Amino acid sequence: MRKTVYLAIVLFVVWCVACAIWYLFSVKGLTTDPATFNGTSNAIAIIEILFMTLGAFLIGFLAAYYLQEEPIKKWRKAFFTEENEKKELQFTARTLKHEHHNLLSEKSYQELQFKSELAEKSQMAQQLNAKVEEVSRMLETQKESGEQLQNELSELRPKTEKLEAEISHLRFKIKQLEFENQSKSELRVPKEDEISDLTQIQGIGPAISRKLYAMGIYSFKQISQFDKDMIDQVGKALKYFPDRILRDDWVGQARKLNS
């Protein structure tokens, strides 16, 4: 752009010089002969040339100005816009620099805080590990105690079963004795013709018959008169045959045999 302007100025100067020479020698008829030299005419011619050159310059400047007025306005607008943008960019740069400084400060603070929290969590983790180890030792101790108790329980189980069997046998003996005492107090001594063969009832064998005789039950008539309480009492006395009275219908069979 600048080269074009400089070239235009040089061309304008060359054109003015050429026009001035043409005007002096062709129009005014000036010569280089000293005999015909006229200072006043030469001075007037030079002044005329200067005025014409100045007028041409002004006319050209005004024409160029009006022709370039819109681009000049755009250039000014662009220039000032660029300046404003430059100022805004500088302000933004300062703001960003300030924010960057604040961010660095905040980052340093957060790093310190993070290191502090990390150290605290590391300490908590160590405490938790110590507690876990302590609980693990307690669990191992409890496990060993549980195994020891399990072994003791395994050793005591056969003894317990044996004792339960003995207790059950003693209970049967007690019930049998209670029933015999009750029967002896309530029943009279049967005559020989009143004793029935209880094995005729289906479900009563010799072993059960002997147990019934021992409890004072010796006839079909007695069995036919069993009520619910009597059935429960005799069933409990017959430990190994508790449901046989109802299942084999001793009462019904005794009534038929008694009739």
Protein backbone atom coordinates (compact mmCIF):
# COMPACT_ATOMS: atom_id res chain seq x y z
CA MET A 1 0.00 0.00 0.00
CA ARG A 2 2.79 2.44 0.93
CA LYS A 3 4.78 1.66 -2.23
CA THR A 4 1.76 2.57 -4.35
CA VAL A 5 1.41 5.92 -2.54
CA TYR A 6 5.09 6.74 -2.96
CA LEU A 7 4.97 5.84 -6.66
CA ALA A 8 1.95 8.09 -7.16
CA ILE A 9 3.77 11.03 -5.49
CA VAL A 10 6.85 10.51 -7.70
CA LEU A 11 4.69 10.38 -10.82
CA PHE A 12 2.87 13.52 -9.70
CA VAL A 13 6.20 15.40 -9.20
CA VAL A 14 7.55 14.20 -12.56
CA TRP A 15 4.31 15.22 -14.25
CA CYS A 16 4.43 18.68 -12.64
CA VAL A 17 8.05 19.20 -13.69
CA ALA A 18 7.29 18.08 -17.25
CA CYS A 19 4.23 20.35 -17.46
CA ALA A 20 6.26 23.24 -16.03
CA ILE A 21 9.00 22.80 -18.64
CA TRP A 22 6.44 22.50 -21.40
CA TYR A 23 4.61 25.57 -20.18
CA LEU A 24 7.78 27.68 -19.87
CA PHE A 25 9.34 26.81 -23.19
CA SER A 26 6.34 26.08 -25.37
CA VAL A 27 3.62 28.39 -24.07
CA LYS A 28 5.67 31.28 -22.68
CA GLY A 29 8.40 30.93 -25.28
CA LEU A 30 11.26 31.16 -22.83
CA THR A 31 14.78 30.40 -24.06
CA THR A 32 18.12 29.74 -22.52
CA ASP A 33 19.73 32.60 -24.46
CA PRO A 34 21.02 35.26 -22.02
CA ALA A 35 20.37 38.03 -24.57
CA THR A 36 16.67 37.41 -24.48
CA PHE A 37 16.42 36.65 -20.78
CA ASN A 38 13.61 38.51 -18.99
CA GLY A 39 13.55 38.08 -15.23
CA THR A 40 10.10 39.50 -14.69
CA SER A 41 8.47 37.27 -17.30
CA ASN A 42 10.33 34.25 -15.95
CA ALA A 43 9.24 35.02 -12.38
CA ILE A 44 5.61 35.47 -13.43
CA ALA A 45 5.77 32.20 -15.40
CA ILE A 46 7.21 30.37 -12.37
CA ILE A 47 4.49 31.82 -10.08
CA GLU A 48 1.83 30.75 -12.57
CA ILE A 49 3.29 27.28 -12.68
CA LEU A 50 3.32 27.13 -8.86
CA PHE A 51 -0.33 28.24 -8.66
CA MET A 52 -1.37 25.75 -11.36
CA THR A 53 0.57 23.01 -9.56
CA LEU A 54 -0.95 23.96 -6.23
CA GLY A 55 -4.44 24.07 -7.77
CA ALA A 56 -3.91 20.70 -9.42
CA PHE A 57 -2.70 19.32 -6.13
CA LEU A 58 -5.69 20.65 -4.20
CA ILE A 59 -8.11 19.44 -6.86
CA GLY A 60 -6.49 16.01 -6.85
CA PHE A 61 -6.42 15.89 -3.06
CA LEU A 62 -10.09 16.84 -2.77
CA ALA A 63 -11.04 14.32 -5.47
CA ALA A 64 -9.01 11.64 -3.78
CA TYR A 65 -10.48 12.55 -0.40
CA TYR A 66 -14.08 12.37 -1.59
CA LEU A 67 -13.40 9.21 -3.53
CA GLN A 68 -11.75 7.62 -0.51
CA GLU A 69 -14.06 9.11 2.14
CA GLU A 70 -16.02 5.91 2.71
CA PRO A 71 -12.94 3.64 2.87
CA ILE A 72 -11.29 6.21 5.18
CA LYS A 73 -14.33 6.11 7.48
CA LYS A 74 -14.22 2.34 7.42
CA TRP A 75 -10.52 2.44 8.13
CA ARG A 76 -11.05 4.84 11.04
CA LYS A 77 -13.86 2.69 12.37
CA ALA A 78 -11.74 -0.39 11.99
CA PHE A 79 -8.79 1.39 13.59
CA PHE A 80 -10.77 2.55 16.61
CA THR A 81 -12.51 -0.79 16.83
CA GLU A 82 -9.15 -2.48 16.79
CA GLU A 83 -7.93 -0.11 19.47
CA ASN A 84 -10.98 -0.84 21.60
CA GLU A 85 -10.55 -4.54 21.07
CA LYS A 86 -6.91 -4.19 21.93
CA LYS A 87 -7.80 -2.39 25.17
CA GLU A 88 -10.44 -5.00 25.93
CA LEU A 89 -7.92 -7.75 25.25
CA GLN A 90 -5.43 -6.05 27.53
CA PHE A 91 -8.09 -5.72 30.23
CA THR A 92 -9.08 -9.36 29.68
CA ALA A 93 -5.42 -10.37 29.87
CA ARG A 94 -5.01 -8.52 33.17
CA THR A 95 -8.22 -10.09 34.46
CA LEU A 96 -7.08 -13.56 33.39
CA LYS A 97 -3.70 -12.95 34.96
CA HIS A 98 -5.40 -11.97 38.21
CA GLU A 99 -7.69 -15.00 38.02
CA HIS A 100 -4.70 -17.19 37.25
CA HIS A 101 -2.96 -15.86 40.34
CA ASN A 102 -6.10 -16.53 42.40
CA LEU A 103 -6.37 -20.03 40.94
CA LEU A 104 -2.75 -20.72 41.82
CA SER A 105 -3.39 -19.53 45.37
CA GLU A 106 -6.53 -21.63 45.62
CA LYS A 107 -4.70 -24.61 44.13
CA SER A 108 -1.96 -24.27 46.73
CA TYR A 109 -4.55 -24.03 49.50
CA GLN A 110 -6.43 -27.07 48.18
CA GLU A 111 -3.20 -29.04 47.89
CA LEU A 112 -2.37 -28.26 51.50
CA GLN A 113 -5.91 -29.17 52.56
CA PHE A 114 -5.78 -32.38 50.50
CA LYS A 115 -2.45 -33.35 52.07
CA SER A 116 -3.90 -32.68 55.52
CA GLU A 117 -7.01 -34.77 54.78
CA LEU A 118 -4.84 -37.50 53.27
CA ALA A 119 -2.71 -37.63 56.39
CA GLU A 120 -5.84 -37.73 58.56
CA LYS A 121 -7.38 -40.51 56.48
CA SER A 122 -4.11 -42.42 56.56
CA GLN A 123 -4.14 -42.20 60.35
CA MET A 124 -7.78 -43.35 60.43
CA ALA A 125 -6.90 -46.24 58.10
CA GLN A 126 -4.12 -47.31 60.46
CA GLN A 127 -6.53 -47.17 63.40
CA LEU A 128 -9.09 -49.20 61.47
CA ASN A 129 -6.45 -51.76 60.53
CA ALA A 130 -5.49 -52.04 64.20
CA LYS A 131 -9.17 -52.54 65.13
CA VAL A 132 -9.60 -55.12 62.36
CA GLU A 133 -6.59 -57.04 63.63
CA GLU A 134 -7.95 -56.88 67.17
CA VAL A 135 -11.38 -58.11 66.03
CA SER A 136 -9.69 -60.86 64.00
CA ARG A 137 -7.81 -62.00 67.10
CA MET A 138 -11.05 -61.94 69.10
CA LEU A 139 -12.80 -63.96 66.39
CA GLU A 140 -9.98 -66.49 66.38
CA THR A 141 -10.23 -66.76 70.17
CA GLN A 142 -14.02 -67.16 69.98
CA LYS A 143 -13.62 -69.71 67.20
CA GLU A 144 -11.23 -71.73 69.32
CA SER A 145 -13.63 -71.45 72.28
CA GLY A 146 -16.52 -72.50 70.03
CA GLU A 147 -14.59 -75.51 68.80
CA GLN A 148 -13.73 -76.43 72.37
CA LEU A 149 -17.40 -76.09 73.40
CA GLN A 150 -18.43 -78.13 70.35
CA ASN A 151 -16.06 -80.88 71.39
CA GLU A 152 -17.37 -80.77 74.95
CA LEU A 153 -20.93 -80.84 73.61
CA SER A 154 -20.10 -83.83 71.42
CA GLU A 155 -18.72 -85.58 74.47
CA LEU A 156 -21.76 -84.69 76.59
CA ARG A 157 -24.38 -85.64 73.95
CA PRO A 158 -24.16 -89.43 74.48
CA LYS A 159 -24.32 -88.93 78.25
CA THR A 160 -27.35 -86.66 77.82
CA GLU A 161 -29.12 -89.18 75.61
CA LYS A 162 -28.38 -91.90 78.13
CA LEU A 163 -29.73 -89.73 80.96
CA GLU A 164 -32.85 -88.89 78.94
CA ALA A 165 -33.45 -92.58 78.35
CA GLU A 166 -33.06 -93.30 82.05
CA ILE A 167 -35.36 -90.38 82.95
CA SER A 168 -37.99 -91.62 80.49
CA HIS A 169 -37.75 -95.10 81.97
CA LEU A 170 -38.09 -93.71 85.48
CA ARG A 171 -41.09 -91.61 84.43
CA PHE A 172 -42.74 -94.73 83.04
CA LYS A 173 -42.05 -96.56 86.27
CA ILE A 174 -43.47 -93.64 88.27
CA LYS A 175 -46.60 -93.48 86.10
CA GLN A 176 -46.95 -97.21 86.34
CA LEU A 177 -46.63 -97.13 90.12
CA GLU A 178 -49.06 -94.20 90.38
CA PHE A 179 -51.58 -96.06 88.22
CA GLU A 180 -51.11 -99.26 90.20
CA ASN A 181 -51.58 -97.40 93.48
CA GLN A 182 -54.67 -95.66 92.14
CA SER A 183 -56.07 -98.93 90.80
CA LYS A 184 -55.37 -100.71 94.05
CA SER A 185 -57.14 -98.01 96.01
CA GLU A 186 -60.13 -97.80 93.67
CA LEU A 187 -60.53 -101.41 92.40
CA ARG A 188 -61.17 -104.49 94.36
CA VAL A 189 -59.17 -107.67 93.98
CA PRO A 190 -60.69 -109.51 91.00
CA LYS A 191 -61.98 -112.99 91.21
CA GLU A 192 -60.53 -115.61 88.92
CA ASP A 193 -63.66 -115.76 86.74
CA GLU A 194 -63.56 -111.96 86.30
CA ILE A 195 -60.11 -111.97 84.67
CA SER A 196 -60.37 -111.83 80.85
CA ASP A 197 -57.88 -112.93 78.26
CA LEU A 198 -56.95 -109.45 77.04
CA THR A 199 -54.91 -110.88 74.17
CA GLN A 200 -58.22 -111.56 72.39
CA ILE A 201 -58.33 -107.81 71.64
CA GLN A 202 -56.45 -107.12 68.41
CA GLY A 203 -53.38 -105.02 69.21
CA ILE A 204 -52.84 -106.43 72.73
CA GLY A 205 -50.07 -108.99 72.93
CA PRO A 206 -48.68 -110.85 75.93
CA ALA A 207 -46.32 -107.98 76.81
CA ILE A 208 -49.06 -105.33 76.75
CA SER A 209 -51.44 -107.73 78.56
CA ARG A 210 -48.94 -108.09 81.43
CA LYS A 211 -48.55 -104.31 81.64
CA LEU A 212 -52.36 -103.88 81.77
CA TYR A 213 -52.62 -106.56 84.51
CA ALA A 214 -49.92 -104.74 86.44
CA MET A 215 -51.97 -101.50 86.17
CA GLY A 216 -55.07 -103.32 87.50
CA ILE A 217 -56.81 -103.63 84.13
CA TYR A 218 -57.80 -107.29 83.83
CA SER A 219 -61.22 -107.48 82.10
CA PHE A 220 -63.02 -106.53 78.86
CA LYS A 221 -65.55 -104.62 80.95
CA GLN A 222 -62.90 -102.27 82.34
CA ILE A 223 -61.52 -101.51 78.85
CA SER A 224 -65.03 -100.98 77.42
CA GLN A 225 -65.57 -98.28 80.05
CA PHE A 226 -62.41 -96.27 79.14
CA ASP A 227 -63.10 -92.55 78.73
CA LYS A 228 -60.78 -89.99 77.15
CA ASP A 229 -58.82 -89.30 80.34
CA MET A 230 -58.37 -93.02 80.99
CA ILE A 231 -57.23 -93.59 77.40
CA ASP A 232 -54.66 -90.79 77.75
CA GLN A 233 -53.46 -92.12 81.12
CA VAL A 234 -53.09 -95.71 79.92
CA GLY A 235 -51.52 -94.54 76.64
CA LYS A 236 -48.86 -92.57 78.59
CA ALA A 237 -48.21 -95.62 80.78
CA LEU A 238 -47.74 -97.72 77.62
CA LYS A 239 -44.82 -95.56 76.48
CA TYR A 240 -43.91 -97.54 73.38
CA PHE A 241 -47.54 -98.03 72.29
CA PRO A 242 -49.26 -94.67 73.06
CA ASP A 243 -51.60 -94.57 70.06
CA ARG A 244 -52.55 -98.23 69.88
CA ILE A 245 -55.70 -97.86 72.04
CA LEU A 246 -57.38 -95.55 69.53
CA ARG A 247 -55.79 -97.00 66.41
CA ASP A 248 -56.92 -100.59 67.18
CA ASP A 249 -60.20 -99.47 68.82
CA TRP A 250 -59.70 -101.38 72.08
CA VAL A 251 -62.90 -99.91 73.57
CA GLY A 252 -65.11 -101.13 70.71
CA GLN A 253 -63.53 -104.58 70.66
CA ALA A 254 -63.87 -104.88 74.47
CA ARG A 255 -67.56 -103.98 74.32
CA LYS A 256 -68.21 -106.71 71.73
CA LEU A 257 -66.22 -109.29 73.70
CA ASN A 258 -67.90 -108.27 76.95
CA SER A 259 -71.40 -108.57 75.49
